[in-house]
Amino acid sequence: MKYIKHCILLAIVTTIVLVACKKNVLTVSPFEYTNGKALLKVVYACPYARNPGVIIKINGEKVSSVITYSTPYPGGGLNTGGNSFADYLSVKPGENTVSLSIPYVGTGNDSILLHQGVYNFVANQFQSLHLTDTLTSTQAVQIIDPANRPDSGLVLFRFVNLIPNSGGIDLYFGPTKVASNVMYKASTDTFSIAAGTSLAWSLRNAGETGTLGTTYTSASTVANQRVFTVYARGYTGLPVADIRSPKISFAYNK
C-alpha cells in the first residue's frame, strides 16, 4: 500500500514539475519559420480622419481581425495598436493580392474597399508591407526585415518615412541624429543603439531644429536585443490633437 501511495505521490509531483516547466517555455509563433513560405507583416499606417476599423485580406481571404490606425499585423508595436509580439503571417511566395476594406458590421464581408494591390513576397524571408496615405493615393513600402537579433547590449532599428506630404525627415534619439534626410517612402539601413538608456525620440524636417509632431519616450524602445522598424506617420501641418498629426511608432520585428 505504501508503494502505491509513493507512486501516486511521485506521479503528482512529476506532473506539477512538468506543468511548471511548460509555463516557462518560450514559445515560437506558429507564423514563423515556415520553410518555403514568405513571412509577412502588414503595417497599416493609413491616416484616415475617422479612423475606421479595417480588415486585411490576402488573395481574397481574410487574414486579420478588425484593426485601426496605426497597427502592425500580426503582432504590434509601441505607440501602435496590436500586442507586444513580433509575429508574421505565413503566405505563399511570389505575387499576392493584398486588400484593405471596411467590413459590414458583424461580418467579414467588404463594405468599402480602401485599397487593393499586387505585391511580390520572398520565400524564407521576414518582410514588412507598410501601407500609408488614403484611398486612391494609398502607397506601399516593402522592406526585408532582419532575420536575427543583435548582440546582447544592443537594440537594432530601421527607420522609414511614411508621411506623404513631408520632405526629408531627420530622426533623433535624445540629442543624437540617428537618421538623416529620409524622404517619403524611403528607409534607412539598420542601425544599433545601446540598450537600457531611455531618451525621447523625435522627428524634424531635415536640417531644421523644431520638432515635427510629438516626441515619444518609452523604456521599451531600448529593450535588450529587440529589433524594431521605426516609422514616421501622419501628415505634416496638422495640430497635435488631430489623430493624423505626425507621430513616431515602432513595429516589433524581433
C-alpha atoms as a PDB file:
ATOM      1  CA  MET A   1       0.000   0.000   0.000  1.00  0.00           C
ATOM      2  CA  LYS A   2       2.859   2.368   0.872  1.00  0.00           C
ATOM      3  CA  TYR A   3       4.462   1.606  -2.505  1.00  0.00           C
ATOM      4  CA  ILE A   4       1.256   2.539  -4.338  1.00  0.00           C
ATOM      5  CA  LYS A   5       0.924   5.750  -2.347  1.00  0.00           C
ATOM      6  CA  HIS A   6       4.543   6.656  -3.119  1.00  0.00           C
ATOM      7  CA  CYS A   7       3.986   6.016  -6.821  1.00  0.00           C
ATOM      8  CA  ILE A   8       0.866   8.176  -6.860  1.00  0.00           C
ATOM      9  CA  LEU A   9       2.705  10.955  -4.978  1.00  0.00           C
ATOM     10  CA  LEU A  10       5.653  10.731  -7.394  1.00  0.00           C
ATOM     11  CA  ALA A  11       3.296  10.953 -10.394  1.00  0.00           C
ATOM     12  CA  ILE A  12       1.587  14.032  -8.931  1.00  0.00           C
ATOM     13  CA  VAL A  13       4.917  15.776  -8.213  1.00  0.00           C
ATOM     14  CA  THR A  14       6.227  14.917 -11.691  1.00  0.00           C
ATOM     15  CA  THR A  15       3.072  16.327 -13.295  1.00  0.00           C
ATOM     16  CA  ILE A  16       3.367  19.555 -11.282  1.00  0.00           C
ATOM     17  CA  VAL A  17       7.044  19.961 -12.274  1.00  0.00           C
ATOM     18  CA  LEU A  18       6.280  19.370 -15.950  1.00  0.00           C
ATOM     19  CA  VAL A  19       3.420  21.882 -15.915  1.00  0.00           C
ATOM     20  CA  ALA A  20       5.586  24.437 -14.119  1.00  0.00           C
ATOM     21  CA  CYS A  21       8.371  23.962 -16.673  1.00  0.00           C
ATOM     22  CA  LYS A  22       5.940  24.262 -19.569  1.00  0.00           C
ATOM     23  CA  LYS A  23       4.831  27.691 -18.364  1.00  0.00           C
ATOM     24  CA  ASN A  24       8.417  28.935 -18.673  1.00  0.00           C
ATOM     25  CA  VAL A  25       8.976  27.698 -22.225  1.00  0.00           C
ATOM     26  CA  LEU A  26       9.462  30.495 -24.768  1.00  0.00           C
ATOM     27  CA  THR A  27       7.005  29.555 -27.482  1.00  0.00           C
ATOM     28  CA  VAL A  28       7.535  30.450 -31.126  1.00  0.00           C
ATOM     29  CA  SER A  29       4.718  31.939 -33.135  1.00  0.00           C
ATOM     30  CA  PRO A  30       3.120  29.417 -35.496  1.00  0.00           C
ATOM     31  CA  PHE A  31       3.511  32.022 -38.263  1.00  0.00           C
ATOM     32  CA  GLU A  32       7.315  31.963 -38.082  1.00  0.00           C
ATOM     33  CA  TYR A  33       9.955  29.673 -39.586  1.00  0.00           C
ATOM     34  CA  THR A  34       7.662  28.030 -42.128  1.00  0.00           C
ATOM     35  CA  ASN A  35      10.056  26.626 -44.698  1.00  0.00           C
ATOM     36  CA  GLY A  36       9.286  27.690 -48.261  1.00  0.00           C
ATOM     37  CA  LYS A  37       6.780  30.361 -47.227  1.00  0.00           C
ATOM     38  CA  ALA A  38       7.108  34.146 -47.194  1.00  0.00           C
ATOM     39  CA  LEU A  39       6.913  35.655 -43.703  1.00  0.00           C
ATOM     40  CA  LEU A  40       4.846  38.839 -43.833  1.00  0.00           C
ATOM     41  CA  LYS A  41       3.879  41.695 -41.532  1.00  0.00           C
ATOM     42  CA  VAL A  42       1.411  44.329 -42.800  1.00  0.00           C
ATOM     43  CA  VAL A  43       1.831  47.752 -41.175  1.00  0.00           C
ATOM     44  CA  TYR A  44      -1.461  49.611 -41.513  1.00  0.00           C
ATOM     45  CA  ALA A  45      -0.440  53.283 -41.267  1.00  0.00           C
ATOM     46  CA  CYS A  46      -3.174  54.922 -43.380  1.00  0.00           C
ATOM     47  CA  PRO A  47      -4.232  58.127 -41.562  1.00  0.00           C
ATOM     48  CA  TYR A  48      -7.992  58.397 -42.130  1.00  0.00           C
ATOM     49  CA  ALA A  49      -9.635  61.214 -40.187  1.00  0.00           C
ATOM     50  CA  ARG A  50     -12.437  58.991 -38.843  1.00  0.00           C
ATOM     51  CA  ASN A  51     -10.105  56.064 -38.163  1.00  0.00           C
ATOM     52  CA  PRO A  52     -12.380  53.260 -39.397  1.00  0.00           C
ATOM     53  CA  GLY A  53     -11.835  49.642 -38.415  1.00  0.00           C
ATOM     54  CA  VAL A  54     -10.447  47.698 -41.385  1.00  0.00           C
ATOM     55  CA  ILE A  55      -9.629  44.090 -42.237  1.00  0.00           C
ATOM     56  CA  ILE A  56      -6.703  42.761 -44.251  1.00  0.00           C
ATOM     57  CA  LYS A  57      -7.296  40.171 -46.949  1.00  0.00           C
ATOM     58  CA  ILE A  58      -4.692  38.261 -48.943  1.00  0.00           C
ATOM     59  CA  ASN A  59      -5.858  36.756 -52.227  1.00  0.00           C
ATOM     60  CA  GLY A  60      -9.447  37.404 -51.153  1.00  0.00           C
ATOM     61  CA  GLU A  61      -9.093  35.559 -47.836  1.00  0.00           C
ATOM     62  CA  LYS A  62      -9.498  37.403 -44.548  1.00  0.00           C
ATOM     63  CA  VAL A  63      -6.271  37.159 -42.511  1.00  0.00           C
ATOM     64  CA  SER A  64      -6.800  39.779 -39.780  1.00  0.00           C
ATOM     65  CA  SER A  65      -9.209  40.837 -37.113  1.00  0.00           C
ATOM     66  CA  VAL A  66     -10.597  44.372 -37.377  1.00  0.00           C
ATOM     67  CA  ILE A  67      -7.701  46.773 -36.797  1.00  0.00           C
ATOM     68  CA  THR A  68      -7.373  50.556 -36.623  1.00  0.00           C
ATOM     69  CA  TYR A  69      -4.691  53.146 -37.403  1.00  0.00           C
ATOM     70  CA  SER A  70      -1.818  52.537 -36.755  1.00  0.00           C
ATOM     71  CA  THR A  71      -1.399  48.773 -36.306  1.00  0.00           C
ATOM     72  CA  PRO A  72       1.308  46.345 -37.462  1.00  0.00           C
ATOM     73  CA  TYR A  73      -0.393  42.999 -38.140  1.00  0.00           C
ATOM     74  CA  PRO A  74       0.098  40.384 -36.915  1.00  0.00           C
ATOM     75  CA  GLY A  75       1.833  41.360 -33.706  1.00  0.00           C
ATOM     76  CA  GLY A  76       2.030  45.015 -32.803  1.00  0.00           C
ATOM     77  CA  GLY A  77       4.493  47.548 -31.520  1.00  0.00           C
ATOM     78  CA  LEU A  78       4.935  50.703 -29.483  1.00  0.00           C
ATOM     79  CA  ASN A  79       2.690  53.725 -29.989  1.00  0.00           C
ATOM     80  CA  THR A  80       0.581  51.440 -32.199  1.00  0.00           C
ATOM     81  CA  GLY A  81      -2.375  49.122 -31.965  1.00  0.00           C
ATOM     82  CA  GLY A  82      -1.857  45.405 -31.570  1.00  0.00           C
ATOM     83  CA  ASN A  83       0.073  43.428 -28.973  1.00  0.00           C
ATOM     84  CA  SER A  84       3.730  43.210 -27.970  1.00  0.00           C
ATOM     85  CA  PHE A  85       4.674  40.157 -30.071  1.00  0.00           C
ATOM     86  CA  ALA A  86       6.755  40.082 -33.237  1.00  0.00           C
ATOM     87  CA  ASP A  87       4.527  37.738 -35.233  1.00  0.00           C
ATOM     88  CA  TYR A  88       4.460  37.327 -39.010  1.00  0.00           C
ATOM     89  CA  LEU A  89       1.921  35.793 -41.356  1.00  0.00           C
ATOM     90  CA  SER A  90       2.931  32.826 -43.476  1.00  0.00           C
ATOM     91  CA  VAL A  91       1.959  33.375 -47.126  1.00  0.00           C
ATOM     92  CA  LYS A  92       2.862  31.804 -50.449  1.00  0.00           C
ATOM     93  CA  PRO A  93       5.912  33.372 -52.086  1.00  0.00           C
ATOM     94  CA  GLY A  94       5.520  35.340 -55.291  1.00  0.00           C
ATOM     95  CA  GLU A  95       2.646  37.595 -56.283  1.00  0.00           C
ATOM     96  CA  ASN A  96      -0.186  38.103 -53.779  1.00  0.00           C
ATOM     97  CA  THR A  97      -3.159  40.462 -53.804  1.00  0.00           C
ATOM     98  CA  VAL A  98      -3.411  42.431 -50.549  1.00  0.00           C
ATOM     99  CA  SER A  99      -6.541  44.441 -49.788  1.00  0.00           C
ATOM    100  CA  LEU A 100      -7.822  46.736 -47.050  1.00  0.00           C
ATOM    101  CA  SER A 101     -11.539  47.120 -46.527  1.00  0.00           C
ATOM    102  CA  ILE A 102     -14.104  48.343 -44.038  1.00  0.00           C
ATOM    103  CA  PRO A 103     -16.330  45.316 -43.259  1.00  0.00           C
ATOM    104  CA  TYR A 104     -20.082  45.254 -42.838  1.00  0.00           C
ATOM    105  CA  VAL A 105     -20.843  45.313 -39.120  1.00  0.00           C
ATOM    106  CA  GLY A 106     -20.594  41.856 -37.607  1.00  0.00           C
ATOM    107  CA  THR A 107     -19.239  40.192 -40.754  1.00  0.00           C
ATOM    108  CA  GLY A 108     -16.027  39.772 -42.715  1.00  0.00           C
ATOM    109  CA  ASN A 109     -17.708  40.898 -45.928  1.00  0.00           C
ATOM    110  CA  ASP A 110     -16.384  44.035 -47.619  1.00  0.00           C
ATOM    111  CA  SER A 111     -18.362  47.226 -47.236  1.00  0.00           C
ATOM    112  CA  ILE A 112     -15.858  49.735 -48.629  1.00  0.00           C
ATOM    113  CA  LEU A 113     -12.695  48.649 -50.428  1.00  0.00           C
ATOM    114  CA  LEU A 114      -9.983  51.100 -49.399  1.00  0.00           C
ATOM    115  CA  HIS A 115      -7.016  49.599 -51.218  1.00  0.00           C
ATOM    116  CA  GLN A 116      -6.034  46.615 -53.307  1.00  0.00           C
ATOM    117  CA  GLY A 117      -2.631  45.913 -54.770  1.00  0.00           C
ATOM    118  CA  VAL A 118      -0.475  43.049 -56.038  1.00  0.00           C
ATOM    119  CA  TYR A 119       2.800  42.557 -54.173  1.00  0.00           C
ATOM    120  CA  ASN A 120       5.652  40.111 -54.581  1.00  0.00           C
ATOM    121  CA  PHE A 121       6.853  38.373 -51.418  1.00  0.00           C
ATOM    122  CA  VAL A 122      10.086  36.436 -50.980  1.00  0.00           C
ATOM    123  CA  ALA A 123      10.254  32.869 -49.652  1.00  0.00           C
ATOM    124  CA  ASN A 124      12.006  32.255 -46.328  1.00  0.00           C
ATOM    125  CA  GLN A 125      12.374  35.973 -45.608  1.00  0.00           C
ATOM    126  CA  PHE A 126      10.882  38.168 -42.899  1.00  0.00           C
ATOM    127  CA  GLN A 127       9.341  41.162 -44.664  1.00  0.00           C
ATOM    128  CA  SER A 128       7.007  44.074 -43.927  1.00  0.00           C
ATOM    129  CA  LEU A 129       4.494  45.770 -46.187  1.00  0.00           C
ATOM    130  CA  HIS A 130       3.987  49.331 -44.912  1.00  0.00           C
ATOM    131  CA  LEU A 131       0.796  50.951 -46.194  1.00  0.00           C
ATOM    132  CA  THR A 132       0.218  54.702 -45.942  1.00  0.00           C
ATOM    133  CA  ASP A 133      -1.905  57.580 -47.296  1.00  0.00           C
ATOM    134  CA  THR A 134      -5.576  57.046 -48.154  1.00  0.00           C
ATOM    135  CA  LEU A 135      -7.984  55.764 -50.821  1.00  0.00           C
ATOM    136  CA  THR A 136      -6.583  56.003 -54.377  1.00  0.00           C
ATOM    137  CA  SER A 137      -3.411  57.629 -53.031  1.00  0.00           C
ATOM    138  CA  THR A 138      -2.523  54.635 -50.839  1.00  0.00           C
ATOM    139  CA  GLN A 139       1.136  53.738 -51.202  1.00  0.00           C
ATOM    140  CA  ALA A 140       3.203  50.765 -50.081  1.00  0.00           C
ATOM    141  CA  VAL A 141       6.776  50.377 -48.890  1.00  0.00           C
ATOM    142  CA  GLN A 142       8.173  46.825 -48.901  1.00  0.00           C
ATOM    143  CA  ILE A 143      11.106  46.089 -46.617  1.00  0.00           C
ATOM    144  CA  ILE A 144      13.081  42.919 -45.888  1.00  0.00           C
ATOM    145  CA  ASP A 145      13.354  42.724 -42.109  1.00  0.00           C
ATOM    146  CA  PRO A 146      16.347  41.429 -40.135  1.00  0.00           C
ATOM    147  CA  ALA A 147      16.347  37.686 -39.550  1.00  0.00           C
ATOM    148  CA  ASN A 148      18.376  37.778 -36.340  1.00  0.00           C
ATOM    149  CA  ARG A 149      18.585  39.703 -33.090  1.00  0.00           C
ATOM    150  CA  PRO A 150      21.627  41.920 -32.344  1.00  0.00           C
ATOM    151  CA  ASP A 151      24.267  41.056 -29.755  1.00  0.00           C
ATOM    152  CA  SER A 152      23.394  41.488 -26.095  1.00  0.00           C
ATOM    153  CA  GLY A 153      23.538  45.132 -25.009  1.00  0.00           C
ATOM    154  CA  LEU A 154      22.211  46.442 -28.320  1.00  0.00           C
ATOM    155  CA  VAL A 155      18.865  47.247 -29.951  1.00  0.00           C
ATOM    156  CA  LEU A 156      18.514  47.150 -33.740  1.00  0.00           C
ATOM    157  CA  PHE A 157      16.454  49.673 -35.710  1.00  0.00           C
ATOM    158  CA  ARG A 158      15.480  50.691 -39.215  1.00  0.00           C
ATOM    159  CA  PHE A 159      13.633  53.951 -39.969  1.00  0.00           C
ATOM    160  CA  VAL A 160      11.035  54.500 -42.705  1.00  0.00           C
ATOM    161  CA  ASN A 161       9.266  57.758 -43.572  1.00  0.00           C
ATOM    162  CA  LEU A 162       5.536  57.170 -44.162  1.00  0.00           C
ATOM    163  CA  ILE A 163       4.436  60.843 -44.092  1.00  0.00           C
ATOM    164  CA  PRO A 164       3.088  61.590 -47.607  1.00  0.00           C
ATOM    165  CA  ASN A 165       3.360  65.399 -47.551  1.00  0.00           C
ATOM    166  CA  SER A 166       6.798  65.568 -45.962  1.00  0.00           C
ATOM    167  CA  GLY A 167      10.159  66.412 -47.394  1.00  0.00           C
ATOM    168  CA  GLY A 168      13.251  64.793 -45.948  1.00  0.00           C
ATOM    169  CA  ILE A 169      12.979  63.895 -42.253  1.00  0.00           C
ATOM    170  CA  ASP A 170      15.656  63.539 -39.590  1.00  0.00           C
ATOM    171  CA  LEU A 171      15.128  61.098 -36.723  1.00  0.00           C
ATOM    172  CA  TYR A 172      16.603  61.908 -33.315  1.00  0.00           C
ATOM    173  CA  PHE A 173      17.163  59.788 -30.221  1.00  0.00           C
ATOM    174  CA  GLY A 174      17.601  62.374 -27.500  1.00  0.00           C
ATOM    175  CA  PRO A 175      20.122  64.916 -28.849  1.00  0.00           C
ATOM    176  CA  THR A 176      21.615  62.463 -31.359  1.00  0.00           C
ATOM    177  CA  LYS A 177      20.573  62.333 -35.009  1.00  0.00           C
ATOM    178  CA  VAL A 178      20.252  58.647 -35.935  1.00  0.00           C
ATOM    179  CA  ALA A 179      18.743  59.046 -39.424  1.00  0.00           C
ATOM    180  CA  SER A 180      19.224  61.942 -41.812  1.00  0.00           C
ATOM    181  CA  ASN A 181      17.099  63.408 -44.623  1.00  0.00           C
ATOM    182  CA  VAL A 182      14.921  60.339 -45.170  1.00  0.00           C
ATOM    183  CA  MET A 183      12.425  61.071 -47.940  1.00  0.00           C
ATOM    184  CA  TYR A 184       8.826  59.854 -48.165  1.00  0.00           C
ATOM    185  CA  LYS A 185       8.683  56.081 -48.791  1.00  0.00           C
ATOM    186  CA  ALA A 186      12.436  55.768 -48.202  1.00  0.00           C
ATOM    187  CA  SER A 187      14.029  53.672 -45.469  1.00  0.00           C
ATOM    188  CA  THR A 188      17.436  53.530 -43.840  1.00  0.00           C
ATOM    189  CA  ASP A 189      19.870  50.711 -43.361  1.00  0.00           C
ATOM    190  CA  THR A 190      19.700  49.105 -39.924  1.00  0.00           C
ATOM    191  CA  PHE A 191      21.475  50.869 -37.063  1.00  0.00           C
ATOM    192  CA  SER A 192      22.136  49.982 -33.416  1.00  0.00           C
ATOM    193  CA  ILE A 193      21.671  51.838 -30.127  1.00  0.00           C
ATOM    194  CA  ALA A 194      22.871  50.727 -26.710  1.00  0.00           C
ATOM    195  CA  ALA A 195      20.103  49.048 -24.728  1.00  0.00           C
ATOM    196  CA  GLY A 196      18.753  50.466 -21.478  1.00  0.00           C
ATOM    197  CA  THR A 197      19.042  54.239 -21.929  1.00  0.00           C
ATOM    198  CA  SER A 198      15.573  55.720 -22.449  1.00  0.00           C
ATOM    199  CA  LEU A 199      15.513  59.079 -24.259  1.00  0.00           C
ATOM    200  CA  ALA A 200      12.892  60.921 -26.293  1.00  0.00           C
ATOM    201  CA  TRP A 201      12.515  60.042 -29.960  1.00  0.00           C
ATOM    202  CA  SER A 202      11.653  62.970 -32.214  1.00  0.00           C
ATOM    203  CA  LEU A 203      11.204  63.943 -35.858  1.00  0.00           C
ATOM    204  CA  ARG A 204      12.497  67.097 -37.528  1.00  0.00           C
ATOM    205  CA  ASN A 205      12.312  68.431 -41.035  1.00  0.00           C
ATOM    206  CA  ALA A 206      15.760  67.744 -42.496  1.00  0.00           C
ATOM    207  CA  GLY A 207      18.322  70.262 -41.286  1.00  0.00           C
ATOM    208  CA  GLU A 208      15.875  72.096 -39.002  1.00  0.00           C
ATOM    209  CA  THR A 209      15.709  72.316 -35.204  1.00  0.00           C
ATOM    210  CA  GLY A 210      11.977  72.368 -34.492  1.00  0.00           C
ATOM    211  CA  THR A 211      10.204  69.114 -33.571  1.00  0.00           C
ATOM    212  CA  LEU A 212       7.789  67.741 -36.139  1.00  0.00           C
ATOM    213  CA  GLY A 213       4.664  66.494 -34.359  1.00  0.00           C
ATOM    214  CA  THR A 214       5.029  64.839 -30.946  1.00  0.00           C
ATOM    215  CA  THR A 215       8.001  63.118 -29.338  1.00  0.00           C
ATOM    216  CA  TYR A 216       7.820  59.583 -27.971  1.00  0.00           C
ATOM    217  CA  THR A 217       9.583  58.135 -24.939  1.00  0.00           C
ATOM    218  CA  SER A 218       9.432  54.561 -23.684  1.00  0.00           C
ATOM    219  CA  ALA A 219      11.985  52.337 -21.991  1.00  0.00           C
ATOM    220  CA  SER A 220      10.593  49.516 -24.141  1.00  0.00           C
ATOM    221  CA  THR A 221      12.170  51.095 -27.242  1.00  0.00           C
ATOM    222  CA  VAL A 222      15.613  50.218 -25.877  1.00  0.00           C
ATOM    223  CA  ALA A 223      14.880  46.737 -24.523  1.00  0.00           C
ATOM    224  CA  ASN A 224      17.898  44.457 -24.882  1.00  0.00           C
ATOM    225  CA  GLN A 225      18.213  42.637 -28.235  1.00  0.00           C
ATOM    226  CA  ARG A 226      14.873  43.791 -29.617  1.00  0.00           C
ATOM    227  CA  VAL A 227      14.535  44.632 -33.314  1.00  0.00           C
ATOM    228  CA  PHE A 228      12.224  47.445 -34.449  1.00  0.00           C
ATOM    229  CA  THR A 229      11.132  49.288 -37.542  1.00  0.00           C
ATOM    230  CA  VAL A 230      10.651  52.911 -36.512  1.00  0.00           C
ATOM    231  CA  TYR A 231       8.172  54.683 -38.750  1.00  0.00           C
ATOM    232  CA  ALA A 232       7.048  58.282 -39.094  1.00  0.00           C
ATOM    233  CA  ARG A 233       3.311  58.506 -39.847  1.00  0.00           C
ATOM    234  CA  GLY A 234       0.519  61.012 -40.367  1.00  0.00           C
ATOM    235  CA  TYR A 235       0.575  64.316 -42.247  1.00  0.00           C
ATOM    236  CA  THR A 236       2.568  67.465 -41.579  1.00  0.00           C
ATOM    237  CA  GLY A 237       0.778  70.753 -40.841  1.00  0.00           C
ATOM    238  CA  LEU A 238      -1.953  69.334 -38.604  1.00  0.00           C
ATOM    239  CA  PRO A 239      -2.490  70.199 -34.914  1.00  0.00           C
ATOM    240  CA  VAL A 240      -1.195  67.703 -32.367  1.00  0.00           C
ATOM    241  CA  ALA A 241      -4.737  66.835 -31.251  1.00  0.00           C
ATOM    242  CA  ASP A 242      -5.570  65.548 -34.748  1.00  0.00           C
ATOM    243  CA  ILE A 243      -5.144  61.768 -34.985  1.00  0.00           C
ATOM    244  CA  ARG A 244      -3.394  62.321 -38.323  1.00  0.00           C
ATOM    245  CA  SER A 245      -0.681  64.634 -36.973  1.00  0.00           C
ATOM    246  CA  PRO A 246       2.949  63.446 -37.268  1.00  0.00           C
ATOM    247  CA  LYS A 247       3.854  60.666 -34.834  1.00  0.00           C
ATOM    248  CA  ILE A 248       6.550  58.062 -34.273  1.00  0.00           C
ATOM    249  CA  SER A 249       5.709  54.370 -33.958  1.00  0.00           C
ATOM    250  CA  PHE A 250       7.710  51.166 -33.535  1.00  0.00           C
ATOM    251  CA  ALA A 251       6.796  47.858 -35.172  1.00  0.00           C
ATOM    252  CA  TYR A 252       8.218  44.759 -33.500  1.00  0.00           C
ATOM    253  CA  ASN A 253      10.398  42.680 -35.836  1.00  0.00           C
ATOM    254  CA  LYS A 254      12.090  40.551 -33.166  1.00  0.00           C
END
